[in-house]
Amino acid sequence: MSMLKAVSAEASARDRSSGYSPPASHSPVVDVHCFSVRADLDPGLLPRLLELFAKRGLWPSKFYSQALASEQPGQPTEAVIDIQIAGLDCATCDHIAMQFRGMVGVQSVLTSLRASAD
């Protein structure tokens, strides 16, 4: 057996007997709640959506808004807003989604949960 393998085997046996566990090599997994909101194109809607997070002292990790032109001529354009936020529990997420759905101009709200490493 080579000297390197012998030293490595001794260190490994010593670590197991002392209860040593190596530090984790990956970041902890954090739940990120995602909201996808389809709404009328109303500039006043964006601050109303963000207000529900601001009053809880939360800052979205991602916020994306895009204005879409309607495929039908004469129809108003609409907006798609995607918000991702960590630090919510499922009950709070459901409550915020319900409040989004009750806002004037909101057509639909979809929610999802994804795991993210910090």
N, C-alpha and C. Protein backbone atom coordinates (compact mmCIF):
# COMPACT_ATOMS: atom_id res chain seq x y z
N MET A 1 0.86 -1.17 0.00
CA MET A 1 0.00 0.00 0.00
C MET A 1 0.90 1.23 0.00
N SER A 2 0.57 2.20 -0.79
CA SER A 2 1.40 3.40 -0.87
C SER A 2 1.23 4.23 0.40
N MET A 3 2.21 5.10 0.63
CA MET A 3 2.20 5.94 1.84
C MET A 3 0.99 6.86 1.86
N LEU A 4 0.59 7.42 0.70
CA LEU A 4 -0.55 8.33 0.63
C LEU A 4 -1.84 7.62 1.01
N LYS A 5 -2.04 6.41 0.50
CA LYS A 5 -3.26 5.66 0.83
C LYS A 5 -3.29 5.30 2.32
N ALA A 6 -2.14 4.96 2.89
CA ALA A 6 -2.09 4.60 4.31
C ALA A 6 -2.44 5.79 5.18
N VAL A 7 -1.90 6.96 4.87
CA VAL A 7 -2.20 8.17 5.65
C VAL A 7 -3.66 8.54 5.51
N SER A 8 -4.20 8.42 4.29
CA SER A 8 -5.61 8.73 4.05
C SER A 8 -6.51 7.78 4.82
N ALA A 9 -6.16 6.49 4.86
CA ALA A 9 -6.97 5.51 5.58
C ALA A 9 -6.92 5.77 7.08
N GLU A 10 -5.76 6.15 7.61
CA GLU A 10 -5.65 6.45 9.04
C GLU A 10 -6.48 7.68 9.39
N ALA A 11 -6.41 8.71 8.58
CA ALA A 11 -7.19 9.94 8.84
C ALA A 11 -8.68 9.65 8.79
N SER A 12 -9.09 8.83 7.83
CA SER A 12 -10.50 8.49 7.70
C SER A 12 -10.99 7.72 8.93
N ALA A 13 -10.20 6.76 9.40
CA ALA A 13 -10.57 5.98 10.58
C ALA A 13 -10.63 6.86 11.81
N ARG A 14 -9.69 7.78 11.96
CA ARG A 14 -9.67 8.71 13.10
C ARG A 14 -10.90 9.60 13.08
N ASP A 15 -11.27 10.12 11.90
CA ASP A 15 -12.43 11.00 11.79
C ASP A 15 -13.72 10.27 12.14
N ARG A 16 -13.85 9.02 11.71
CA ARG A 16 -15.06 8.26 12.02
C ARG A 16 -15.18 8.00 13.51
N SER A 17 -14.06 7.72 14.17
CA SER A 17 -14.10 7.41 15.60
C SER A 17 -14.36 8.63 16.46
N SER A 18 -14.01 9.82 15.99
CA SER A 18 -14.20 11.03 16.78
C SER A 18 -15.56 11.69 16.56
N GLY A 19 -16.36 11.14 15.64
CA GLY A 19 -17.66 11.74 15.36
C GLY A 19 -17.57 12.93 14.43
N TYR A 20 -16.45 13.12 13.79
CA TYR A 20 -16.24 14.24 12.88
C TYR A 20 -17.08 14.05 11.62
N SER A 21 -17.75 15.09 11.21
CA SER A 21 -18.44 15.06 9.92
C SER A 21 -17.95 16.25 9.11
N PRO A 22 -17.59 16.01 7.85
CA PRO A 22 -17.07 17.09 7.03
C PRO A 22 -18.13 18.16 6.79
N PRO A 23 -17.70 19.40 6.58
CA PRO A 23 -18.68 20.46 6.32
C PRO A 23 -19.44 20.20 5.02
N ALA A 24 -20.68 20.64 4.99
CA ALA A 24 -21.50 20.45 3.80
C ALA A 24 -20.91 21.25 2.65
N SER A 25 -20.88 20.65 1.49
CA SER A 25 -20.28 21.30 0.33
C SER A 25 -21.31 22.05 -0.50
N HIS A 26 -22.56 22.02 -0.10
CA HIS A 26 -23.59 22.72 -0.88
C HIS A 26 -24.37 23.67 0.02
N SER A 27 -25.01 24.62 -0.61
CA SER A 27 -25.82 25.60 0.11
C SER A 27 -27.14 24.98 0.52
N PRO A 28 -27.76 25.51 1.58
CA PRO A 28 -29.06 24.98 1.97
C PRO A 28 -30.12 25.29 0.91
N VAL A 29 -31.10 24.44 0.81
CA VAL A 29 -32.16 24.63 -0.16
C VAL A 29 -33.23 25.52 0.45
N VAL A 30 -33.66 26.52 -0.30
CA VAL A 30 -34.65 27.48 0.15
C VAL A 30 -35.85 27.39 -0.78
N ASP A 31 -37.05 27.39 -0.21
CA ASP A 31 -38.26 27.39 -1.03
C ASP A 31 -38.51 28.79 -1.57
N VAL A 32 -38.76 28.88 -2.88
CA VAL A 32 -39.07 30.15 -3.53
C VAL A 32 -40.48 30.03 -4.10
N HIS A 33 -41.34 30.94 -3.71
CA HIS A 33 -42.71 30.97 -4.21
C HIS A 33 -42.75 31.86 -5.44
N CYS A 34 -43.41 31.36 -6.48
CA CYS A 34 -43.49 32.07 -7.76
C CYS A 34 -44.95 32.43 -8.05
N PHE A 35 -45.16 33.66 -8.46
CA PHE A 35 -46.49 34.14 -8.83
C PHE A 35 -46.42 34.57 -10.29
N SER A 36 -47.37 34.13 -11.08
CA SER A 36 -47.50 34.57 -12.46
C SER A 36 -48.87 35.23 -12.60
N VAL A 37 -48.85 36.51 -12.87
CA VAL A 37 -50.09 37.30 -12.90
C VAL A 37 -50.32 37.80 -14.32
N ARG A 38 -51.51 37.56 -14.84
CA ARG A 38 -51.92 38.11 -16.14
C ARG A 38 -52.98 39.15 -15.84
N ALA A 39 -52.77 40.37 -16.36
CA ALA A 39 -53.65 41.47 -15.97
C ALA A 39 -53.80 42.48 -17.10
N ASP A 40 -54.79 43.37 -16.92
CA ASP A 40 -54.93 44.50 -17.84
C ASP A 40 -53.69 45.38 -17.74
N LEU A 41 -53.40 46.08 -18.80
CA LEU A 41 -52.23 46.96 -18.82
C LEU A 41 -52.59 48.25 -18.09
N ASP A 42 -52.33 48.27 -16.78
CA ASP A 42 -52.64 49.40 -15.92
C ASP A 42 -51.42 49.70 -15.07
N PRO A 43 -50.78 50.87 -15.24
CA PRO A 43 -49.57 51.18 -14.47
C PRO A 43 -49.80 51.19 -12.96
N GLY A 44 -51.00 51.45 -12.51
CA GLY A 44 -51.29 51.47 -11.09
C GLY A 44 -51.32 50.08 -10.46
N LEU A 45 -51.34 49.05 -11.28
CA LEU A 45 -51.41 47.69 -10.76
C LEU A 45 -50.08 47.23 -10.16
N LEU A 46 -48.97 47.63 -10.75
CA LEU A 46 -47.66 47.18 -10.27
C LEU A 46 -47.42 47.55 -8.80
N PRO A 47 -47.62 48.80 -8.39
CA PRO A 47 -47.41 49.09 -6.97
C PRO A 47 -48.39 48.38 -6.05
N ARG A 48 -49.62 48.14 -6.54
CA ARG A 48 -50.59 47.42 -5.70
C ARG A 48 -50.14 45.97 -5.48
N LEU A 49 -49.54 45.35 -6.49
CA LEU A 49 -49.02 43.99 -6.33
C LEU A 49 -47.85 43.97 -5.35
N LEU A 50 -46.92 44.88 -5.51
CA LEU A 50 -45.74 44.92 -4.65
C LEU A 50 -46.07 45.32 -3.21
N GLU A 51 -47.15 46.05 -3.03
CA GLU A 51 -47.54 46.50 -1.70
C GLU A 51 -47.78 45.32 -0.74
N LEU A 52 -48.32 44.23 -1.28
CA LEU A 52 -48.62 43.07 -0.43
C LEU A 52 -47.35 42.45 0.14
N PHE A 53 -46.23 42.58 -0.55
CA PHE A 53 -44.96 42.10 -0.03
C PHE A 53 -44.32 43.16 0.87
N ALA A 54 -44.40 44.42 0.46
CA ALA A 54 -43.76 45.51 1.21
C ALA A 54 -44.32 45.63 2.62
N LYS A 55 -45.62 45.46 2.78
CA LYS A 55 -46.20 45.60 4.12
C LYS A 55 -45.83 44.44 5.05
N ARG A 56 -45.27 43.36 4.46
CA ARG A 56 -44.76 42.24 5.27
C ARG A 56 -43.24 42.33 5.44
N GLY A 57 -42.66 43.40 4.91
CA GLY A 57 -41.21 43.59 5.02
C GLY A 57 -40.42 42.65 4.12
N LEU A 58 -41.02 42.21 3.02
CA LEU A 58 -40.37 41.26 2.10
C LEU A 58 -39.98 41.96 0.80
N TRP A 59 -38.89 41.49 0.21
CA TRP A 59 -38.39 42.02 -1.05
C TRP A 59 -38.35 40.88 -2.06
N PRO A 60 -39.01 41.00 -3.21
CA PRO A 60 -38.97 39.92 -4.20
C PRO A 60 -37.54 39.69 -4.70
N SER A 61 -37.18 38.42 -4.87
CA SER A 61 -35.85 38.12 -5.41
C SER A 61 -35.83 38.34 -6.92
N LYS A 62 -36.98 38.18 -7.57
CA LYS A 62 -37.10 38.47 -9.00
C LYS A 62 -38.46 39.09 -9.28
N PHE A 63 -38.46 40.06 -10.16
CA PHE A 63 -39.71 40.72 -10.58
C PHE A 63 -39.57 41.02 -12.06
N TYR A 64 -40.51 40.54 -12.85
CA TYR A 64 -40.44 40.73 -14.29
C TYR A 64 -41.83 41.10 -14.79
N SER A 65 -41.89 42.13 -15.61
CA SER A 65 -43.16 42.56 -16.16
C SER A 65 -42.99 42.78 -17.66
N GLN A 66 -43.98 42.33 -18.43
CA GLN A 66 -43.92 42.50 -19.87
C GLN A 66 -45.31 42.86 -20.39
N ALA A 67 -45.36 43.87 -21.25
CA ALA A 67 -46.61 44.25 -21.90
C ALA A 67 -46.76 43.43 -23.17
N LEU A 68 -47.92 42.81 -23.35
CA LEU A 68 -48.18 41.99 -24.52
C LEU A 68 -49.24 42.65 -25.39
N ALA A 69 -49.02 42.64 -26.68
CA ALA A 69 -50.03 43.15 -27.61
C ALA A 69 -51.05 42.05 -27.85
N SER A 70 -52.28 42.43 -27.97
CA SER A 70 -53.36 41.47 -28.19
C SER A 70 -53.31 40.98 -29.62
N GLU A 71 -53.70 39.71 -29.81
CA GLU A 71 -53.75 39.14 -31.15
C GLU A 71 -54.96 39.63 -31.93
N GLN A 72 -55.96 40.12 -31.24
CA GLN A 72 -57.18 40.60 -31.89
C GLN A 72 -57.12 42.11 -32.04
N PRO A 73 -57.35 42.63 -33.24
CA PRO A 73 -57.32 44.08 -33.42
C PRO A 73 -58.44 44.75 -32.62
N GLY A 74 -58.13 45.88 -32.05
CA GLY A 74 -59.11 46.63 -31.28
C GLY A 74 -59.20 46.21 -29.83
N GLN A 75 -58.56 45.12 -29.45
CA GLN A 75 -58.56 44.66 -28.06
C GLN A 75 -57.40 45.32 -27.31
N PRO A 76 -57.60 45.65 -26.05
CA PRO A 76 -56.52 46.27 -25.29
C PRO A 76 -55.38 45.29 -25.05
N THR A 77 -54.20 45.84 -24.83
CA THR A 77 -53.05 44.99 -24.52
C THR A 77 -53.13 44.56 -23.06
N GLU A 78 -52.33 43.57 -22.72
CA GLU A 78 -52.33 43.07 -21.35
C GLU A 78 -50.90 42.91 -20.87
N ALA A 79 -50.76 42.66 -19.58
CA ALA A 79 -49.44 42.52 -18.96
C ALA A 79 -49.29 41.14 -18.35
N VAL A 80 -48.07 40.63 -18.40
CA VAL A 80 -47.70 39.41 -17.70
C VAL A 80 -46.64 39.79 -16.68
N ILE A 81 -46.91 39.48 -15.42
CA ILE A 81 -46.01 39.86 -14.32
C ILE A 81 -45.60 38.59 -13.59
N ASP A 82 -44.30 38.38 -13.48
CA ASP A 82 -43.77 37.23 -12.74
C ASP A 82 -43.01 37.74 -11.53
N ILE A 83 -43.36 37.19 -10.37
CA ILE A 83 -42.73 37.59 -9.10
C ILE A 83 -42.23 36.32 -8.40
N GLN A 84 -40.99 36.35 -7.94
CA GLN A 84 -40.44 35.25 -7.16
C GLN A 84 -39.98 35.79 -5.82
N ILE A 85 -40.32 35.07 -4.76
CA ILE A 85 -39.98 35.55 -3.42
C ILE A 85 -39.70 34.37 -2.49
N ALA A 86 -38.65 34.50 -1.72
CA ALA A 86 -38.30 33.49 -0.72
C ALA A 86 -38.76 33.99 0.65
N GLY A 87 -38.90 33.10 1.57
CA GLY A 87 -39.23 33.50 2.93
C GLY A 87 -40.71 33.52 3.24
N LEU A 88 -41.52 32.93 2.39
CA LEU A 88 -42.96 32.85 2.65
C LEU A 88 -43.32 31.43 3.06
N ASP A 89 -44.33 31.31 3.89
CA ASP A 89 -44.87 29.98 4.13
C ASP A 89 -46.03 29.78 3.14
N CYS A 90 -46.49 28.55 3.00
CA CYS A 90 -47.52 28.24 2.01
C CYS A 90 -48.83 28.97 2.27
N ALA A 91 -49.20 29.12 3.54
CA ALA A 91 -50.45 29.80 3.87
C ALA A 91 -50.40 31.27 3.46
N THR A 92 -49.27 31.92 3.69
CA THR A 92 -49.12 33.33 3.29
C THR A 92 -49.12 33.46 1.78
N CYS A 93 -48.48 32.53 1.10
CA CYS A 93 -48.47 32.53 -0.36
C CYS A 93 -49.89 32.41 -0.91
N ASP A 94 -50.67 31.49 -0.37
CA ASP A 94 -52.05 31.32 -0.81
C ASP A 94 -52.88 32.57 -0.53
N HIS A 95 -52.65 33.20 0.62
CA HIS A 95 -53.39 34.41 0.97
C HIS A 95 -53.06 35.55 0.02
N ILE A 96 -51.78 35.72 -0.31
CA ILE A 96 -51.37 36.78 -1.24
C ILE A 96 -51.96 36.52 -2.63
N ALA A 97 -51.94 35.26 -3.08
CA ALA A 97 -52.52 34.93 -4.38
C ALA A 97 -54.02 35.25 -4.40
N MET A 98 -54.71 34.96 -3.30
CA MET A 98 -56.13 35.28 -3.22
C MET A 98 -56.36 36.80 -3.30
N GLN A 99 -55.49 37.57 -2.63
CA GLN A 99 -55.61 39.02 -2.69
C GLN A 99 -55.32 39.53 -4.10
N PHE A 100 -54.34 38.95 -4.78
CA PHE A 100 -54.07 39.32 -6.18
C PHE A 100 -55.31 39.10 -7.03
N ARG A 101 -55.95 37.94 -6.86
CA ARG A 101 -57.12 37.60 -7.67
C ARG A 101 -58.29 38.55 -7.45
N GLY A 102 -58.34 39.17 -6.29
CA GLY A 102 -59.42 40.11 -5.99
C GLY A 102 -59.18 41.52 -6.49
N MET A 103 -58.00 41.79 -7.03
CA MET A 103 -57.69 43.14 -7.51
C MET A 103 -58.34 43.40 -8.87
N VAL A 104 -58.82 44.62 -9.03
CA VAL A 104 -59.43 45.03 -10.29
C VAL A 104 -58.36 45.01 -11.38
N GLY A 105 -58.68 44.39 -12.49
CA GLY A 105 -57.76 44.32 -13.62
C GLY A 105 -56.96 43.04 -13.70
N VAL A 106 -56.94 42.24 -12.63
CA VAL A 106 -56.21 40.98 -12.65
C VAL A 106 -57.10 39.92 -13.30
N GLN A 107 -56.57 39.27 -14.33
CA GLN A 107 -57.32 38.26 -15.06
C GLN A 107 -57.08 36.86 -14.49
N SER A 108 -55.82 36.55 -14.18
CA SER A 108 -55.52 35.23 -13.62
C SER A 108 -54.24 35.29 -12.80
N VAL A 109 -54.13 34.38 -11.84
CA VAL A 109 -52.95 34.27 -10.98
C VAL A 109 -52.60 32.79 -10.86
N LEU A 110 -51.37 32.46 -11.21
CA LEU A 110 -50.87 31.10 -11.04
C LEU A 110 -49.76 31.13 -10.01
N THR A 111 -49.68 30.11 -9.19
CA THR A 111 -48.60 30.04 -8.20
C THR A 111 -47.86 28.72 -8.36
N SER A 112 -46.60 28.74 -7.98
CA SER A 112 -45.81 27.51 -7.97
C SER A 112 -44.74 27.65 -6.90
N LEU A 113 -44.12 26.52 -6.57
CA LEU A 113 -43.08 26.48 -5.56
C LEU A 113 -41.89 25.78 -6.17
N ARG A 114 -40.71 26.38 -6.00
CA ARG A 114 -39.50 25.73 -6.49
C ARG A 114 -38.44 25.80 -5.41
N ALA A 115 -37.55 24.86 -5.45
CA ALA A 115 -36.44 24.83 -4.52
C ALA A 115 -35.24 25.52 -5.16
N SER A 116 -34.56 26.33 -4.39
CA SER A 116 -33.41 27.07 -4.90
C SER A 116 -32.29 27.00 -3.90
N ALA A 117 -31.09 26.75 -4.36
CA ALA A 117 -29.91 26.80 -3.49
C ALA A 117 -29.43 28.24 -3.46
N ASP A 118 -29.13 28.75 -2.27
CA ASP A 118 -28.67 30.14 -2.14
C ASP A 118 -27.34 30.35 -2.81
